[in-house]
């Protein structure tokens, strides 16, 4: 079964911040990072059920995480509703978990 992957506004802001940070040090590295990011999202379409994130303990739905294999070790947080995988947050190494108030969960109409 294949899942559709969508990103929340927060995840898009996180992705852009990561890209901008890498781009300020290595424009070519940023392009490679973005390609790897896209490949990681594609792999999640086929294999979405990965480990639970620490944030899952404070939510009524399972918040899952997968590690984006880069030298910086980024983490995606996501939730699966039906056949859609929603990327909620992209977290870099050393960043704290996000609170319930910061978590953008997709609405019931999604």
PDB file of N, CA and C in Angstrom:
ATOM      1  N   UNK A   1       0.840  -1.171   0.000  1.00  0.00           N
ATOM      2  CA  UNK A   1       0.000   0.000   0.000  1.00  0.00           C
ATOM      3  C   UNK A   1       0.889   1.240   0.000  1.00  0.00           C
ATOM      4  N   UNK A   2       0.482   2.207  -0.772  1.00  0.00           N
ATOM      5  CA  UNK A   2       1.228   3.452  -0.844  1.00  0.00           C
ATOM      6  C   UNK A   2       0.467   4.542  -0.094  1.00  0.00           C
ATOM      7  N   UNK A   3       1.200   5.398   0.584  1.00  0.00           N
ATOM      8  CA  UNK A   3       0.624   6.499   1.344  1.00  0.00           C
ATOM      9  C   UNK A   3       0.982   7.811   0.670  1.00  0.00           C
ATOM     10  N   UNK A   4       0.059   8.747   0.715  1.00  0.00           N
ATOM     11  CA  UNK A   4       0.340  10.094   0.225  1.00  0.00           C
ATOM     12  C   UNK A   4       1.036  10.839   1.359  1.00  0.00           C
ATOM     13  N   UNK A   5       2.079  11.579   1.041  1.00  0.00           N
ATOM     14  CA  UNK A   5       2.820  12.347   2.045  1.00  0.00           C
ATOM     15  C   UNK A   5       2.501  13.826   1.862  1.00  0.00           C
ATOM     16  N   UNK A   6       2.072  14.454   2.954  1.00  0.00           N
ATOM     17  CA  UNK A   6       1.810  15.892   2.959  1.00  0.00           C
ATOM     18  C   UNK A   6       2.585  16.500   4.121  1.00  0.00           C
ATOM     19  N   UNK A   7       2.952  17.750   3.973  1.00  0.00           N
ATOM     20  CA  UNK A   7       3.678  18.437   5.050  1.00  0.00           C
ATOM     21  C   UNK A   7       2.840  19.577   5.597  1.00  0.00           C
ATOM     22  N   UNK A   8       2.925  19.776   6.901  1.00  0.00           N
ATOM     23  CA  UNK A   8       2.237  20.905   7.528  1.00  0.00           C
ATOM     24  C   UNK A   8       3.046  22.171   7.274  1.00  0.00           C
ATOM     25  N   UNK A   9       2.427  23.297   7.570  1.00  0.00           N
ATOM     26  CA  UNK A   9       3.125  24.579   7.423  1.00  0.00           C
ATOM     27  C   UNK A   9       4.362  24.618   8.315  1.00  0.00           C
ATOM     28  N   UNK A  10       4.249  24.080   9.516  1.00  0.00           N
ATOM     29  CA  UNK A  10       5.399  24.072  10.420  1.00  0.00           C
ATOM     30  C   UNK A  10       6.551  23.256   9.836  1.00  0.00           C
ATOM     31  N   UNK A  11       6.245  22.084   9.305  1.00  0.00           N
ATOM     32  CA  UNK A  11       7.290  21.246   8.719  1.00  0.00           C
ATOM     33  C   UNK A  11       7.952  21.945   7.539  1.00  0.00           C
ATOM     34  N   UNK A  12       7.170  22.675   6.754  1.00  0.00           N
ATOM     35  CA  UNK A  12       7.736  23.437   5.635  1.00  0.00           C
ATOM     36  C   UNK A  12       8.685  24.524   6.153  1.00  0.00           C
ATOM     37  N   UNK A  13       8.274  25.209   7.220  1.00  0.00           N
ATOM     38  CA  UNK A  13       9.161  26.236   7.807  1.00  0.00           C
ATOM     39  C   UNK A  13      10.436  25.597   8.350  1.00  0.00           C
ATOM     40  N   UNK A  14      10.304  24.447   9.004  1.00  0.00           N
ATOM     41  CA  UNK A  14      11.472  23.735   9.523  1.00  0.00           C
ATOM     42  C   UNK A  14      12.419  23.337   8.395  1.00  0.00           C
ATOM     43  N   UNK A  15      11.844  22.791   7.321  1.00  0.00           N
ATOM     44  CA  UNK A  15      12.656  22.372   6.169  1.00  0.00           C
ATOM     45  C   UNK A  15      13.390  23.558   5.577  1.00  0.00           C
ATOM     46  N   UNK A  16      12.682  24.674   5.432  1.00  0.00           N
ATOM     47  CA  UNK A  16      13.311  25.860   4.853  1.00  0.00           C
ATOM     48  C   UNK A  16      14.423  26.383   5.748  1.00  0.00           C
ATOM     49  N   UNK A  17      14.206  26.375   7.047  1.00  0.00           N
ATOM     50  CA  UNK A  17      15.240  26.835   7.979  1.00  0.00           C
ATOM     51  C   UNK A  17      16.485  25.956   7.896  1.00  0.00           C
ATOM     52  N   UNK A  18      16.295  24.648   7.801  1.00  0.00           N
ATOM     53  CA  UNK A  18      17.439  23.728   7.664  1.00  0.00           C
ATOM     54  C   UNK A  18      18.181  24.002   6.362  1.00  0.00           C
ATOM     55  N   UNK A  19      17.420  24.132   5.277  1.00  0.00           N
ATOM     56  CA  UNK A  19      18.022  24.405   3.975  1.00  0.00           C
ATOM     57  C   UNK A  19      18.807  25.711   4.010  1.00  0.00           C
ATOM     58  N   UNK A  20      18.207  26.765   4.542  1.00  0.00           N
ATOM     59  CA  UNK A  20      18.872  28.072   4.594  1.00  0.00           C
ATOM     60  C   UNK A  20      20.165  28.011   5.406  1.00  0.00           C
ATOM     61  N   UNK A  21      20.128  27.296   6.519  1.00  0.00           N
ATOM     62  CA  UNK A  21      21.319  27.172   7.353  1.00  0.00           C
ATOM     63  C   UNK A  21      22.440  26.471   6.587  1.00  0.00           C
ATOM     64  N   UNK A  22      22.114  25.373   5.932  1.00  0.00           N
ATOM     65  CA  UNK A  22      23.131  24.638   5.171  1.00  0.00           C
ATOM     66  C   UNK A  22      23.617  25.486   4.002  1.00  0.00           C
ATOM     67  N   UNK A  23      22.684  26.152   3.325  1.00  0.00           N
ATOM     68  CA  UNK A  23      23.021  26.978   2.164  1.00  0.00           C
ATOM     69  C   UNK A  23      23.980  28.112   2.525  1.00  0.00           C
ATOM     70  N   UNK A  24      23.864  28.645   3.728  1.00  0.00           N
ATOM     71  CA  UNK A  24      24.754  29.744   4.137  1.00  0.00           C
ATOM     72  C   UNK A  24      26.199  29.277   4.279  1.00  0.00           C
ATOM     73  N   UNK A  25      26.385  27.982   4.485  1.00  0.00           N
ATOM     74  CA  UNK A  25      27.732  27.419   4.614  1.00  0.00           C
ATOM     75  C   UNK A  25      28.199  26.696   3.354  1.00  0.00           C
ATOM     76  N   UNK A  26      27.245  26.098   2.625  1.00  0.00           N
ATOM     77  CA  UNK A  26      27.592  25.300   1.456  1.00  0.00           C
ATOM     78  C   UNK A  26      26.391  25.212   0.513  1.00  0.00           C
ATOM     79  N   UNK A  27      26.313  26.090  -0.477  1.00  0.00           N
ATOM     80  CA  UNK A  27      25.184  26.036  -1.411  1.00  0.00           C
ATOM     81  C   UNK A  27      25.029  24.674  -2.090  1.00  0.00           C
ATOM     82  N   UNK A  28      26.133  24.066  -2.475  1.00  0.00           N
ATOM     83  CA  UNK A  28      26.050  22.752  -3.104  1.00  0.00           C
ATOM     84  C   UNK A  28      25.574  21.703  -2.089  1.00  0.00           C
ATOM     85  N   UNK A  29      26.031  21.814  -0.858  1.00  0.00           N
ATOM     86  CA  UNK A  29      25.580  20.908   0.193  1.00  0.00           C
ATOM     87  C   UNK A  29      24.091  21.028   0.436  1.00  0.00           C
ATOM     88  N   UNK A  30      23.561  22.247   0.333  1.00  0.00           N
ATOM     89  CA  UNK A  30      22.128  22.461   0.524  1.00  0.00           C
ATOM     90  C   UNK A  30      21.322  21.775  -0.570  1.00  0.00           C
ATOM     91  N   UNK A  31      21.811  21.829  -1.798  1.00  0.00           N
ATOM     92  CA  UNK A  31      21.128  21.157  -2.911  1.00  0.00           C
ATOM     93  C   UNK A  31      21.126  19.650  -2.678  1.00  0.00           C
ATOM     94  N   UNK A  32      22.263  19.088  -2.266  1.00  0.00           N
ATOM     95  CA  UNK A  32      22.345  17.653  -1.981  1.00  0.00           C
ATOM     96  C   UNK A  32      21.431  17.280  -0.820  1.00  0.00           C
ATOM     97  N   UNK A  33      21.384  18.136   0.199  1.00  0.00           N
ATOM     98  CA  UNK A  33      20.524  17.883   1.349  1.00  0.00           C
ATOM     99  C   UNK A  33      19.054  17.844   0.936  1.00  0.00           C
ATOM    100  N   UNK A  34      18.650  18.793   0.098  1.00  0.00           N
ATOM    101  CA  UNK A  34      17.256  18.838  -0.346  1.00  0.00           C
ATOM    102  C   UNK A  34      16.901  17.607  -1.165  1.00  0.00           C
ATOM    103  N   UNK A  35      17.824  17.144  -2.008  1.00  0.00           N
ATOM    104  CA  UNK A  35      17.592  15.906  -2.763  1.00  0.00           C
ATOM    105  C   UNK A  35      17.416  14.715  -1.813  1.00  0.00           C
ATOM    106  N   UNK A  36      18.250  14.634  -0.794  1.00  0.00           N
ATOM    107  CA  UNK A  36      18.152  13.549   0.180  1.00  0.00           C
ATOM    108  C   UNK A  36      16.849  13.643   0.970  1.00  0.00           C
ATOM    109  N   UNK A  37      16.445  14.833   1.308  1.00  0.00           N
ATOM    110  CA  UNK A  37      15.171  15.055   2.000  1.00  0.00           C
ATOM    111  C   UNK A  37      14.018  14.505   1.172  1.00  0.00           C
ATOM    112  N   UNK A  38      13.999  14.859  -0.112  1.00  0.00           N
ATOM    113  CA  UNK A  38      12.939  14.391  -1.006  1.00  0.00           C
ATOM    114  C   UNK A  38      12.940  12.867  -1.130  1.00  0.00           C
ATOM    115  N   UNK A  39      14.102  12.270  -1.224  1.00  0.00           N
ATOM    116  CA  UNK A  39      14.194  10.801  -1.297  1.00  0.00           C
ATOM    117  C   UNK A  39      13.670  10.156  -0.014  1.00  0.00           C
ATOM    118  N   UNK A  40      13.958  10.760   1.125  1.00  0.00           N
ATOM    119  CA  UNK A  40      13.475  10.222   2.400  1.00  0.00           C
ATOM    120  C   UNK A  40      11.949  10.275   2.459  1.00  0.00           C
ATOM    121  N   UNK A  41      11.360  11.354   1.994  1.00  0.00           N
ATOM    122  CA  UNK A  41       9.897  11.436   1.958  1.00  0.00           C
ATOM    123  C   UNK A  41       9.315  10.361   1.044  1.00  0.00           C
ATOM    124  N   UNK A  42       9.957  10.146  -0.091  1.00  0.00           N
ATOM    125  CA  UNK A  42       9.482   9.117  -1.016  1.00  0.00           C
ATOM    126  C   UNK A  42       9.533   7.726  -0.378  1.00  0.00           C
ATOM    127  N   UNK A  43      10.561   7.458   0.400  1.00  0.00           N
ATOM    128  CA  UNK A  43      10.669   6.140   1.035  1.00  0.00           C
ATOM    129  C   UNK A  43       9.563   5.942   2.069  1.00  0.00           C
ATOM    130  N   UNK A  44       9.100   7.031   2.677  1.00  0.00           N
ATOM    131  CA  UNK A  44       8.046   6.935   3.674  1.00  0.00           C
ATOM    132  C   UNK A  44       6.695   6.601   3.048  1.00  0.00           C
ATOM    133  N   UNK A  45       6.532   6.859   1.754  1.00  0.00           N
ATOM    134  CA  UNK A  45       5.283   6.511   1.074  1.00  0.00           C
ATOM    135  C   UNK A  45       5.028   5.007   1.128  1.00  0.00           C
ATOM    136  N   UNK A  46       6.081   4.223   1.080  1.00  0.00           N
ATOM    137  CA  UNK A  46       5.964   2.763   1.044  1.00  0.00           C
ATOM    138  C   UNK A  46       6.128   2.119   2.412  1.00  0.00           C
ATOM    139  N   UNK A  47       6.840   2.772   3.303  1.00  0.00           N
ATOM    140  CA  UNK A  47       7.162   2.180   4.601  1.00  0.00           C
ATOM    141  C   UNK A  47       6.995   3.208   5.712  1.00  0.00           C
ATOM    142  N   UNK A  48       5.741   3.553   6.050  1.00  0.00           N
ATOM    143  CA  UNK A  48       5.533   4.643   6.991  1.00  0.00           C
ATOM    144  C   UNK A  48       5.555   4.269   8.473  1.00  0.00           C
ATOM    145  N   UNK A  49       5.347   3.005   8.801  1.00  0.00           N
ATOM    146  CA  UNK A  49       5.174   2.648  10.209  1.00  0.00           C
ATOM    147  C   UNK A  49       6.521   2.432  10.871  1.00  0.00           C
ATOM    148  N   UNK A  50       7.031   3.496  11.458  1.00  0.00           N
ATOM    149  CA  UNK A  50       8.321   3.487  12.137  1.00  0.00           C
ATOM    150  C   UNK A  50       8.102   3.806  13.603  1.00  0.00           C
ATOM    151  N   UNK A  51       9.155   4.007  14.350  1.00  0.00           N
ATOM    152  CA  UNK A  51       9.054   4.167  15.799  1.00  0.00           C
ATOM    153  C   UNK A  51       8.254   5.361  16.260  1.00  0.00           C
ATOM    154  N   UNK A  52       7.776   5.260  17.501  1.00  0.00           N
ATOM    155  CA  UNK A  52       7.043   6.372  18.109  1.00  0.00           C
ATOM    156  C   UNK A  52       8.010   7.450  18.583  1.00  0.00           C
ATOM    157  N   UNK A  53       7.592   8.701  18.426  1.00  0.00           N
ATOM    158  CA  UNK A  53       8.374   9.844  18.885  1.00  0.00           C
ATOM    159  C   UNK A  53       8.092  10.085  20.367  1.00  0.00           C
ATOM    160  N   UNK A  54       9.024  10.713  21.083  1.00  0.00           N
ATOM    161  CA  UNK A  54       8.765  11.053  22.490  1.00  0.00           C
ATOM    162  C   UNK A  54       7.484  11.876  22.651  1.00  0.00           C
ATOM    163  N   UNK A  55       7.157  12.712  21.673  1.00  0.00           N
ATOM    164  CA  UNK A  55       5.963  13.544  21.725  1.00  0.00           C
ATOM    165  C   UNK A  55       4.678  12.720  21.747  1.00  0.00           C
ATOM    166  N   UNK A  56       4.744  11.486  21.303  1.00  0.00           N
ATOM    167  CA  UNK A  56       3.557  10.638  21.234  1.00  0.00           C
ATOM    168  C   UNK A  56       2.916  10.419  22.596  1.00  0.00           C
ATOM    169  N   UNK A  57       3.710  10.446  23.647  1.00  0.00           N
ATOM    170  CA  UNK A  57       3.192  10.194  25.001  1.00  0.00           C
ATOM    171  C   UNK A  57       2.151  11.225  25.437  1.00  0.00           C
ATOM    172  N   UNK A  58       2.204  12.436  24.874  1.00  0.00           N
ATOM    173  CA  UNK A  58       1.269  13.483  25.302  1.00  0.00           C
ATOM    174  C   UNK A  58       0.175  13.767  24.276  1.00  0.00           C
ATOM    175  N   UNK A  59      -0.039  12.848  23.328  1.00  0.00           N
ATOM    176  CA  UNK A  59      -1.060  13.046  22.300  1.00  0.00           C
ATOM    177  C   UNK A  59      -1.981  11.830  22.219  1.00  0.00           C
ATOM    178  N   UNK A  60      -3.217  12.046  21.849  1.00  0.00           N
ATOM    179  CA  UNK A  60      -4.152  10.925  21.726  1.00  0.00           C
ATOM    180  C   UNK A  60      -3.907  10.073  20.481  1.00  0.00           C
ATOM    181  N   UNK A  61      -3.105  10.571  19.547  1.00  0.00           N
ATOM    182  CA  UNK A  61      -2.760   9.792  18.345  1.00  0.00           C
ATOM    183  C   UNK A  61      -1.272   9.496  18.373  1.00  0.00           C
ATOM    184  N   UNK A  62      -0.868   8.435  17.686  1.00  0.00           N
ATOM    185  CA  UNK A  62       0.549   8.091  17.610  1.00  0.00           C
ATOM    186  C   UNK A  62       1.302   9.110  16.771  1.00  0.00           C
ATOM    187  N   UNK A  63       2.309   9.719  17.359  1.00  0.00           N
ATOM    188  CA  UNK A  63       3.224  10.603  16.644  1.00  0.00           C
ATOM    189  C   UNK A  63       4.457   9.757  16.375  1.00  0.00           C
ATOM    190  N   UNK A  64       4.758   9.535  15.126  1.00  0.00           N
ATOM    191  CA  UNK A  64       5.876   8.678  14.762  1.00  0.00           C
ATOM    192  C   UNK A  64       7.075   9.533  14.366  1.00  0.00           C
ATOM    193  N   UNK A  65       8.228   8.887  14.361  1.00  0.00           N
ATOM    194  CA  UNK A  65       9.437   9.590  13.951  1.00  0.00           C
ATOM    195  C   UNK A  65      10.260   8.678  13.061  1.00  0.00           C
ATOM    196  N   UNK A  66      11.001   9.309  12.194  1.00  0.00           N
ATOM    197  CA  UNK A  66      11.993   8.595  11.406  1.00  0.00           C
ATOM    198  C   UNK A  66      13.212   9.487  11.347  1.00  0.00           C
ATOM    199  N   UNK A  67      14.348   8.868  11.271  1.00  0.00           N
ATOM    200  CA  UNK A  67      15.598   9.623  11.240  1.00  0.00           C
ATOM    201  C   UNK A  67      16.041   9.780   9.806  1.00  0.00           C
ATOM    202  N   UNK A  68      16.270  11.006   9.434  1.00  0.00           N
ATOM    203  CA  UNK A  68      16.717  11.371   8.101  1.00  0.00           C
ATOM    204  C   UNK A  68      18.232  11.254   8.096  1.00  0.00           C
ATOM    205  N   UNK A  69      18.735  10.287   7.399  1.00  0.00           N
ATOM    206  CA  UNK A  69      20.158   9.945   7.432  1.00  0.00           C
ATOM    207  C   UNK A  69      21.013  10.987   6.718  1.00  0.00           C
ATOM    208  N   UNK A  70      21.409  11.989   7.481  1.00  0.00           N
ATOM    209  CA  UNK A  70      22.351  12.993   6.997  1.00  0.00           C
ATOM    210  C   UNK A  70      23.438  13.124   8.051  1.00  0.00           C
ATOM    211  N   UNK A  71      24.465  13.865   7.722  1.00  0.00           N
ATOM    212  CA  UNK A  71      25.524  14.064   8.710  1.00  0.00           C
ATOM    213  C   UNK A  71      25.006  14.825   9.922  1.00  0.00           C
ATOM    214  N   UNK A  72      23.905  15.576   9.745  1.00  0.00           N
ATOM    215  CA  UNK A  72      23.350  16.303  10.883  1.00  0.00           C
ATOM    216  C   UNK A  72      22.310  15.494  11.654  1.00  0.00           C
ATOM    217  N   UNK A  73      21.881  14.351  11.125  1.00  0.00           N
ATOM    218  CA  UNK A  73      20.974  13.477  11.843  1.00  0.00           C
ATOM    219  C   UNK A  73      19.605  14.062  12.111  1.00  0.00           C
ATOM    220  N   UNK A  74      18.960  14.642  11.112  1.00  0.00           N
ATOM    221  CA  UNK A  74      17.647  15.240  11.298  1.00  0.00           C
ATOM    222  C   UNK A  74      16.572  14.181  11.531  1.00  0.00           C
ATOM    223  N   UNK A  75      15.515  14.572  12.214  1.00  0.00           N
ATOM    224  CA  UNK A  75      14.398  13.701  12.534  1.00  0.00           C
ATOM    225  C   UNK A  75      13.118  14.298  11.974  1.00  0.00           C
ATOM    226  N   UNK A  76      12.277  13.457  11.372  1.00  0.00           N
ATOM    227  CA  UNK A  76      10.931  13.872  10.970  1.00  0.00           C
ATOM    228  C   UNK A  76       9.964  13.378  12.026  1.00  0.00           C
ATOM    229  N   UNK A  77       8.974  14.167  12.349  1.00  0.00           N
ATOM    230  CA  UNK A  77       7.845  13.723  13.156  1.00  0.00           C
ATOM    231  C   UNK A  77       6.637  13.716  12.237  1.00  0.00           C
ATOM    232  N   UNK A  78       5.824  12.676  12.348  1.00  0.00           N
ATOM    233  CA  UNK A  78       4.669  12.595  11.475  1.00  0.00           C
ATOM    234  C   UNK A  78       3.552  11.791  12.118  1.00  0.00           C
ATOM    235  N   UNK A  79       2.379  11.936  11.547  1.00  0.00           N
ATOM    236  CA  UNK A  79       1.200  11.190  11.980  1.00  0.00           C
ATOM    237  C   UNK A  79       0.557  10.610  10.728  1.00  0.00           C
ATOM    238  N   UNK A  80      -0.042   9.440  10.864  1.00  0.00           N
ATOM    239  CA  UNK A  80      -0.712   8.793   9.741  1.00  0.00           C
ATOM    240  C   UNK A  80      -2.211   8.814  10.015  1.00  0.00           C
ATOM    241  N   UNK A  81      -2.958   9.344   9.060  1.00  0.00           N
ATOM    242  CA  UNK A  81      -4.420   9.339   9.130  1.00  0.00           C
ATOM    243  C   UNK A  81      -4.927   8.746   7.830  1.00  0.00           C
ATOM    244  N   UNK A  82      -5.530   7.578   7.928  1.00  0.00           N
ATOM    245  CA  UNK A  82      -6.000   6.895   6.730  1.00  0.00           C
ATOM    246  C   UNK A  82      -4.818   6.525   5.852  1.00  0.00           C
ATOM    247  N   UNK A  83      -4.830   7.004   4.624  1.00  0.00           N
ATOM    248  CA  UNK A  83      -3.746   6.718   3.682  1.00  0.00           C
ATOM    249  C   UNK A  83      -2.863   7.940   3.446  1.00  0.00           C
ATOM    250  N   UNK A  84      -2.876   8.860   4.417  1.00  0.00           N
ATOM    251  CA  UNK A  84      -2.067  10.073   4.303  1.00  0.00           C
ATOM    252  C   UNK A  84      -1.093  10.139   5.478  1.00  0.00           C
ATOM    253  N   UNK A  85       0.151  10.394   5.170  1.00  0.00           N
ATOM    254  CA  UNK A  85       1.192  10.593   6.171  1.00  0.00           C
ATOM    255  C   UNK A  85       1.480  12.089   6.210  1.00  0.00           C
ATOM    256  N   UNK A  86       1.230  12.712   7.355  1.00  0.00           N
ATOM    257  CA  UNK A  86       1.445  14.150   7.515  1.00  0.00           C
ATOM    258  C   UNK A  86       2.760  14.387   8.243  1.00  0.00           C
ATOM    259  N   UNK A  87       3.698  15.063   7.586  1.00  0.00           N
ATOM    260  CA  UNK A  87       4.941  15.452   8.245  1.00  0.00           C
ATOM    261  C   UNK A  87       4.625  16.680   9.082  1.00  0.00           C
ATOM    262  N   UNK A  88       4.891  16.580  10.387  1.00  0.00           N
ATOM    263  CA  UNK A  88       4.527  17.633  11.331  1.00  0.00           C
ATOM    264  C   UNK A  88       5.678  18.568  11.663  1.00  0.00           C
ATOM    265  N   UNK A  89       6.895  18.022  11.664  1.00  0.00           N
ATOM    266  CA  UNK A  89       8.042  18.781  12.188  1.00  0.00           C
ATOM    267  C   UNK A  89       9.318  18.139  11.689  1.00  0.00           C
ATOM    268  N   UNK A  90      10.312  18.930  11.437  1.00  0.00           N
ATOM    269  CA  UNK A  90      11.654  18.452  11.119  1.00  0.00           C
ATOM    270  C   UNK A  90      12.554  18.992  12.215  1.00  0.00           C
ATOM    271  N   UNK A  91      13.160  18.083  12.953  1.00  0.00           N
ATOM    272  CA  UNK A  91      13.961  18.463  14.120  1.00  0.00           C
ATOM    273  C   UNK A  91      15.418  18.113  13.875  1.00  0.00           C
ATOM    274  N   UNK A  92      16.293  19.049  14.177  1.00  0.00           N
ATOM    275  CA  UNK A  92      17.725  18.826  14.055  1.00  0.00           C
ATOM    276  C   UNK A  92      18.312  18.291  15.342  1.00  0.00           C
ATOM    277  N   UNK A  93      19.563  17.842  15.296  1.00  0.00           N
ATOM    278  CA  UNK A  93      20.206  17.331  16.501  1.00  0.00           C
ATOM    279  C   UNK A  93      20.289  18.406  17.575  1.00  0.00           C
ATOM    280  N   UNK A  94      19.999  18.017  18.805  1.00  0.00           N
ATOM    281  CA  UNK A  94      20.074  18.942  19.920  1.00  0.00           C
ATOM    282  C   UNK A  94      18.826  19.775  20.134  1.00  0.00           C
ATOM    283  N   UNK A  95      17.879  19.734  19.191  1.00  0.00           N
ATOM    284  CA  UNK A  95      16.648  20.492  19.380  1.00  0.00           C
ATOM    285  C   UNK A  95      15.736  19.744  20.335  1.00  0.00           C
ATOM    286  N   UNK A  96      15.031  20.488  21.165  1.00  0.00           N
ATOM    287  CA  UNK A  96      14.099  19.899  22.114  1.00  0.00           C
ATOM    288  C   UNK A  96      12.885  19.318  21.403  1.00  0.00           C
ATOM    289  N   UNK A  97      12.203  18.419  22.101  1.00  0.00           N
ATOM    290  CA  UNK A  97      10.924  17.942  21.598  1.00  0.00           C
ATOM    291  C   UNK A  97       9.956  19.118  21.587  1.00  0.00           C
ATOM    292  N   UNK A  98       8.870  18.992  20.841  1.00  0.00           N
ATOM    293  CA  UNK A  98       7.917  20.096  20.784  1.00  0.00           C
ATOM    294  C   UNK A  98       6.711  19.778  21.665  1.00  0.00           C
ATOM    295  N   UNK A  99       6.124  20.820  22.208  1.00  0.00           N
ATOM    296  CA  UNK A  99       5.000  20.667  23.131  1.00  0.00           C
ATOM    297  C   UNK A  99       3.708  20.401  22.363  1.00  0.00           C
ATOM    298  N   UNK A 100       2.694  20.000  23.105  1.00  0.00           N
ATOM    299  CA  UNK A 100       1.367  19.790  22.511  1.00  0.00           C
ATOM    300  C   UNK A 100       0.867  21.060  21.841  1.00  0.00           C
ATOM    301  N   UNK A 101       1.120  22.200  22.461  1.00  0.00           N
ATOM    302  CA  UNK A 101       0.665  23.478  21.909  1.00  0.00           C
ATOM    303  C   UNK A 101       1.343  23.803  20.579  1.00  0.00           C
ATOM    304  N   UNK A 102       2.571  23.341  20.402  1.00  0.00           N
ATOM    305  CA  UNK A 102       3.317  23.610  19.169  1.00  0.00           C
ATOM    306  C   UNK A 102       2.984  22.622  18.050  1.00  0.00           C
ATOM    307  N   UNK A 103       2.376  21.509  18.380  1.00  0.00           N
ATOM    308  CA  UNK A 103       2.120  20.438  17.424  1.00  0.00           C
ATOM    309  C   UNK A 103       0.932  20.777  16.538  1.00  0.00           C
ATOM    310  N   UNK A 104       1.144  20.833  15.225  1.00  0.00           N
ATOM    311  CA  UNK A 104       0.072  21.067  14.265  1.00  0.00           C
ATOM    312  C   UNK A 104      -0.422  19.713  13.772  1.00  0.00           C
ATOM    313  N   UNK A 105      -1.516  19.223  14.343  1.00  0.00           N
ATOM    314  CA  UNK A 105      -2.089  17.970  13.873  1.00  0.00           C
ATOM    315  C   UNK A 105      -3.104  18.283  12.788  1.00  0.00           C
ATOM    316  N   UNK A 106      -3.189  17.436  11.759  1.00  0.00           N
ATOM    317  CA  UNK A 106      -4.176  17.678  10.702  1.00  0.00           C
ATOM    318  C   UNK A 106      -5.585  17.581  11.268  1.00  0.00           C
ATOM    319  N   UNK A 107      -6.505  18.373  10.711  1.00  0.00           N
ATOM    320  CA  UNK A 107      -7.892  18.375  11.179  1.00  0.00           C
ATOM    321  C   UNK A 107      -8.643  17.134  10.764  1.00  0.00           C
ATOM    322  N   UNK A 108      -9.825  16.987  11.283  1.00  0.00           N
ATOM    323  CA  UNK A 108     -10.646  15.825  10.992  1.00  0.00           C
ATOM    324  C   UNK A 108     -11.090  15.758   9.544  1.00  0.00           C
ATOM    325  N   UNK A 109     -11.085  16.896   8.839  1.00  0.00           N
ATOM    326  CA  UNK A 109     -11.491  16.894   7.440  1.00  0.00           C
ATOM    327  C   UNK A 109     -10.423  16.410   6.493  1.00  0.00           C
ATOM    328  N   UNK A 110      -9.198  16.170   7.003  1.00  0.00           N
ATOM    329  CA  UNK A 110      -8.098  15.758   6.127  1.00  0.00           C
ATOM    330  C   UNK A 110      -8.135  14.272   5.853  1.00  0.00           C
TER     331      UNK A 110
END
